[in-house]
C-alpha atoms as a PDB file:
ATOM      1  CA  MET A   1     -11.399 -30.427  26.998  1.00  0.00           C
ATOM      2  CA  LYS A   2      -9.051 -31.896  24.261  1.00  0.00           C
ATOM      3  CA  ARG A   3     -12.229 -30.921  21.698  1.00  0.00           C
ATOM      4  CA  SER A   4     -12.205 -27.326  23.053  1.00  0.00           C
ATOM      5  CA  LEU A   5      -8.587 -26.677  22.638  1.00  0.00           C
ATOM      6  CA  ILE A   6      -8.636 -28.298  18.965  1.00  0.00           C
ATOM      7  CA  VAL A   7     -11.401 -26.190  18.116  1.00  0.00           C
ATOM      8  CA  SER A   8      -9.543 -23.112  19.579  1.00  0.00           C
ATOM      9  CA  GLY A   9      -6.476 -23.998  17.732  1.00  0.00           C
ATOM     10  CA  VAL A  10      -8.577 -24.456  14.486  1.00  0.00           C
ATOM     11  CA  ALA A  11     -10.267 -20.740  14.780  1.00  0.00           C
ATOM     12  CA  ALA A  12      -6.863 -19.260  15.587  1.00  0.00           C
ATOM     13  CA  LEU A  13      -5.705 -20.814  12.475  1.00  0.00           C
ATOM     14  CA  ILE A  14      -8.503 -19.566  10.437  1.00  0.00           C
ATOM     15  CA  ILE A  15      -7.937 -15.941  11.724  1.00  0.00           C
ATOM     16  CA  ALA A  16      -4.260 -15.984  10.910  1.00  0.00           C
ATOM     17  CA  ALA A  17      -5.266 -17.257   7.527  1.00  0.00           C
ATOM     18  CA  ALA A  18      -7.623 -14.676   7.206  1.00  0.00           C
ATOM     19  CA  SER A  19      -5.031 -11.832   8.125  1.00  0.00           C
ATOM     20  CA  VAL A  20      -2.607 -13.028   5.471  1.00  0.00           C
ATOM     21  CA  GLY A  21      -5.265 -12.975   3.060  1.00  0.00           C
ATOM     22  CA  VAL A  22      -6.145  -9.575   3.890  1.00  0.00           C
ATOM     23  CA  ALA A  23      -2.821  -8.110   3.514  1.00  0.00           C
ATOM     24  CA  GLN A  24      -2.177  -9.917   0.317  1.00  0.00           C
ATOM     25  CA  ALA A  25      -5.419  -8.472  -0.912  1.00  0.00           C
ATOM     26  CA  GLN A  26      -4.239  -5.009  -0.123  1.00  0.00           C
ATOM     27  CA  LYS A  27      -0.860  -5.484  -1.760  1.00  0.00           C
ATOM     28  CA  GLU A  28      -2.513  -7.167  -5.242  1.00  0.00           C
ATOM     29  CA  SER A  29      -5.287  -4.523  -5.315  1.00  0.00           C
ATOM     30  CA  SER A  30      -2.493  -1.700  -5.611  1.00  0.00           C
ATOM     31  CA  LYS A  31      -1.055  -3.666  -8.483  1.00  0.00           C
ATOM     32  CA  ASN A  32      -4.021  -4.268 -10.458  1.00  0.00           C
ATOM     33  CA  LYS A  33      -7.153  -1.490 -10.439  1.00  0.00           C
ATOM     34  CA  THR A  34      -8.995  -4.048 -12.539  1.00  0.00           C
ATOM     35  CA  HIS A  35     -10.032  -6.505  -9.706  1.00  0.00           C
ATOM     36  CA  VAL A  36     -12.566  -6.011  -7.111  1.00  0.00           C
ATOM     37  CA  ILE A  37     -11.290  -4.896  -3.902  1.00  0.00           C
ATOM     38  CA  TYR A  38     -13.087  -6.102  -0.622  1.00  0.00           C
ATOM     39  CA  VAL A  39     -11.446  -5.724   2.691  1.00  0.00           C
ATOM     40  CA  ALA A  40     -13.765  -5.710   5.959  1.00  0.00           C
ATOM     41  CA  ALA A  41     -12.515  -3.076   8.310  1.00  0.00           C
ATOM     42  CA  ALA A  42     -12.661  -5.579  11.272  1.00  0.00           C
ATOM     43  CA  GLN A  43     -10.113  -7.724   9.213  1.00  0.00           C
ATOM     44  CA  ALA A  44      -7.959  -4.669   7.735  1.00  0.00           C
ATOM     45  CA  THR A  45      -4.351  -4.650   8.595  1.00  0.00           C
ATOM     46  CA  PHE A  46      -3.995  -1.087  10.507  1.00  0.00           C
ATOM     47  CA  LYS A  47      -0.584   0.203  11.092  1.00  0.00           C
ATOM     48  CA  GLN A  48       0.495   3.292  13.347  1.00  0.00           C
ATOM     49  CA  SER A  49       0.863   6.261  11.378  1.00  0.00           C
ATOM     50  CA  PRO A  50       3.224   8.731  12.487  1.00  0.00           C
ATOM     51  CA  MET A  51       0.644  10.769  14.287  1.00  0.00           C
ATOM     52  CA  ALA A  52       0.293   9.185  17.889  1.00  0.00           C
ATOM     53  CA  GLY A  53      -3.435   8.205  18.225  1.00  0.00           C
ATOM     54  CA  VAL A  54      -3.993   7.348  14.518  1.00  0.00           C
ATOM     55  CA  SER A  55      -3.615   4.177  12.481  1.00  0.00           C
ATOM     56  CA  MET A  56      -4.267   3.375   8.997  1.00  0.00           C
ATOM     57  CA  ALA A  57      -4.967   0.457   6.642  1.00  0.00           C
ATOM     58  CA  VAL A  58      -3.918   1.303   3.102  1.00  0.00           C
ATOM     59  CA  LEU A  59      -6.992  -0.254   1.032  1.00  0.00           C
ATOM     60  CA  TRP A  60      -5.766   0.871  -2.456  1.00  0.00           C
ATOM     61  CA  GLY A  61      -3.398   3.461  -4.174  1.00  0.00           C
ATOM     62  CA  ASP A  62      -0.070   4.786  -2.543  1.00  0.00           C
ATOM     63  CA  MET A  63      -1.023   7.396   0.126  1.00  0.00           C
ATOM     64  CA  ASP A  64       2.771   8.639   0.359  1.00  0.00           C
ATOM     65  CA  LYS A  65       2.650   9.575  -3.425  1.00  0.00           C
ATOM     66  CA  ALA A  66      -0.962   9.397  -4.973  1.00  0.00           C
ATOM     67  CA  ALA A  67      -4.580   9.005  -4.687  1.00  0.00           C
ATOM     68  CA  HIS A  68      -5.389   6.327  -2.102  1.00  0.00           C
ATOM     69  CA  GLY A  69      -8.120   4.986  -0.096  1.00  0.00           C
ATOM     70  CA  THR A  70      -7.671   3.964   3.747  1.00  0.00           C
ATOM     71  CA  PHE A  71      -9.499   2.700   6.851  1.00  0.00           C
ATOM     72  CA  THR A  72      -8.204   5.289   9.372  1.00  0.00           C
ATOM     73  CA  LYS A  73      -8.746   4.967  13.208  1.00  0.00           C
ATOM     74  CA  PHE A  74      -8.580   8.158  15.625  1.00  0.00           C
ATOM     75  CA  ALA A  75      -8.138   7.029  19.260  1.00  0.00           C
ATOM     76  CA  PRO A  76     -10.719   8.489  21.816  1.00  0.00           C
ATOM     77  CA  GLY A  77     -10.111  12.053  22.380  1.00  0.00           C
ATOM     78  CA  TYR A  78      -7.413  12.393  19.475  1.00  0.00           C
ATOM     79  CA  ASP A  79      -6.801  16.024  18.715  1.00  0.00           C
ATOM     80  CA  ALA A  80      -5.100  16.540  15.181  1.00  0.00           C
ATOM     81  CA  GLY A  81      -4.990  20.274  15.884  1.00  0.00           C
ATOM     82  CA  MET A  82      -5.678  22.984  13.103  1.00  0.00           C
ATOM     83  CA  HIS A  83      -4.398  21.937   9.772  1.00  0.00           C
ATOM     84  CA  THR A  84      -4.368  21.532   6.079  1.00  0.00           C
ATOM     85  CA  HIS A  85      -3.834  18.680   3.296  1.00  0.00           C
ATOM     86  CA  THR A  86      -2.476  19.398   0.082  1.00  0.00           C
ATOM     87  CA  SER A  87      -5.364  17.413  -1.595  1.00  0.00           C
ATOM     88  CA  ASP A  88      -8.981  16.967  -1.311  1.00  0.00           C
ATOM     89  CA  MET A  89     -10.362  14.304   1.235  1.00  0.00           C
ATOM     90  CA  ARG A  90     -13.349  12.391   1.229  1.00  0.00           C
ATOM     91  CA  LEU A  91     -14.513  10.610   4.440  1.00  0.00           C
ATOM     92  CA  VAL A  92     -17.361   8.158   5.652  1.00  0.00           C
ATOM     93  CA  VAL A  93     -17.620   7.405   9.139  1.00  0.00           C
ATOM     94  CA  ILE A  94     -18.022   3.961   9.938  1.00  0.00           C
ATOM     95  CA  LYS A  95     -18.023   3.816  13.912  1.00  0.00           C
ATOM     96  CA  GLY A  96     -17.795   6.268  16.771  1.00  0.00           C
ATOM     97  CA  ALA A  97     -17.677  10.088  15.430  1.00  0.00           C
ATOM     98  CA  TYR A  98     -15.179  12.271  13.250  1.00  0.00           C
ATOM     99  CA  LEU A  99     -15.298  15.834  14.857  1.00  0.00           C
ATOM    100  CA  TYR A 100     -14.556  18.691  12.516  1.00  0.00           C
ATOM    101  CA  LYS A 101     -14.160  22.436  13.121  1.00  0.00           C
ATOM    102  CA  ASP A 102     -13.531  25.383  10.932  1.00  0.00           C
ATOM    103  CA  GLU A 103     -14.496  28.993  10.371  1.00  0.00           C
ATOM    104  CA  ALA A 104     -18.103  27.902   9.795  1.00  0.00           C
ATOM    105  CA  GLY A 105     -18.463  26.151  12.848  1.00  0.00           C
ATOM    106  CA  GLU A 106     -18.559  22.578  14.431  1.00  0.00           C
ATOM    107  CA  LYS A 107     -19.645  19.015  12.915  1.00  0.00           C
ATOM    108  CA  ARG A 108     -20.056  15.788  14.487  1.00  0.00           C
ATOM    109  CA  VAL A 109     -19.707  13.063  11.471  1.00  0.00           C
ATOM    110  CA  GLY A 110     -20.981   9.782  12.689  1.00  0.00           C
ATOM    111  CA  PRO A 111     -21.564   6.360  11.241  1.00  0.00           C
ATOM    112  CA  GLY A 112     -23.295   6.709   7.638  1.00  0.00           C
ATOM    113  CA  ASP A 113     -22.082  10.472   7.445  1.00  0.00           C
ATOM    114  CA  PHE A 114     -19.959  12.010   4.709  1.00  0.00           C
ATOM    115  CA  ILE A 115     -17.627  14.895   4.516  1.00  0.00           C
ATOM    116  CA  ARG A 116     -15.566  16.336   1.977  1.00  0.00           C
ATOM    117  CA  ILE A 117     -12.458  18.402   2.951  1.00  0.00           C
ATOM    118  CA  PRO A 118     -11.172  20.570   0.057  1.00  0.00           C
ATOM    119  CA  GLY A 119      -7.190  20.609  -0.142  1.00  0.00           C
ATOM    120  CA  GLY A 120      -5.686  23.625   1.483  1.00  0.00           C
ATOM    121  CA  HIS A 121      -8.988  24.255   3.515  1.00  0.00           C
ATOM    122  CA  LYS A 122      -7.795  25.201   7.294  1.00  0.00           C
ATOM    123  CA  HIS A 123      -9.817  23.165   9.903  1.00  0.00           C
ATOM    124  CA  TRP A 124      -9.163  20.891  12.890  1.00  0.00           C
ATOM    125  CA  SER A 125     -10.451  17.349  13.420  1.00  0.00           C
ATOM    126  CA  GLY A 126     -10.418  14.815  16.159  1.00  0.00           C
ATOM    127  CA  GLY A 127     -12.177  11.625  17.412  1.00  0.00           C
ATOM    128  CA  ASP A 128     -14.929  11.278  20.001  1.00  0.00           C
ATOM    129  CA  LYS A 129     -13.865  11.265  23.258  1.00  0.00           C
ATOM    130  CA  THR A 130     -15.297   7.830  24.480  1.00  0.00           C
ATOM    131  CA  GLU A 131     -15.354   5.863  21.019  1.00  0.00           C
ATOM    132  CA  GLY A 132     -12.987   7.623  18.839  1.00  0.00           C
ATOM    133  CA  ALA A 133     -13.628   7.232  15.098  1.00  0.00           C
ATOM    134  CA  LEU A 134     -13.344   4.745  12.266  1.00  0.00           C
ATOM    135  CA  PHE A 135     -13.686   5.886   8.970  1.00  0.00           C
ATOM    136  CA  TYR A 136     -13.164   5.335   5.344  1.00  0.00           C
ATOM    137  CA  GLU A 137     -11.156   7.853   3.409  1.00  0.00           C
ATOM    138  CA  GLU A 138     -10.190   8.774   0.102  1.00  0.00           C
ATOM    139  CA  GLY A 139      -7.626  11.230  -0.739  1.00  0.00           C
ATOM    140  CA  SER A 140      -7.059  12.640  -4.473  1.00  0.00           C
ATOM    141  CA  GLY A 141      -3.447  12.841  -4.073  1.00  0.00           C
ATOM    142  CA  LYS A 142      -0.618  12.050  -1.419  1.00  0.00           C
ATOM    143  CA  PHE A 143      -1.487  12.113   1.915  1.00  0.00           C
ATOM    144  CA  ASP A 144      -0.251  14.851   4.319  1.00  0.00           C
ATOM    145  CA  VAL A 145      -0.961  17.182   7.456  1.00  0.00           C
ATOM    146  CA  ILE A 146       0.299  20.583   7.414  1.00  0.00           C
ATOM    147  CA  SER A 147      -0.176  22.148  10.892  1.00  0.00           C
ATOM    148  CA  VAL A 148      -1.297  25.915  10.657  1.00  0.00           C
ATOM    149  CA  LYS A 149      -2.369  28.108  13.538  1.00  0.00           C
END
């Protein structure tokens, strides 16, 4: 019994230390662009975005002002509505499915799939109804969502 408690305690300390290390790596990577950046999606520090159903972990850059890279999660069934972005967006899905729709039709962007959305292009996006979506996203400038009808 004591041994399992000790092992559990050590595991908790390792997980806590890894979380702090990931957060520090994220901060350091934005300061110095000459260093290698490595962040495992499962260990990334996600923060709730202002959009309900979306959380993001900034990996590099400053998404409020400039080019950036993030891990982004869409909750199951998330619906972003019709919108545009000021900057070009590039996404690679890791898990689940990023659902996309524009005047040309619908696309289900699954694990390993890539999609580039030009800045100013009107589209709808959302997450798979069951799994949601986890994807790597890069923006060529600040991140924004401009609602359109």
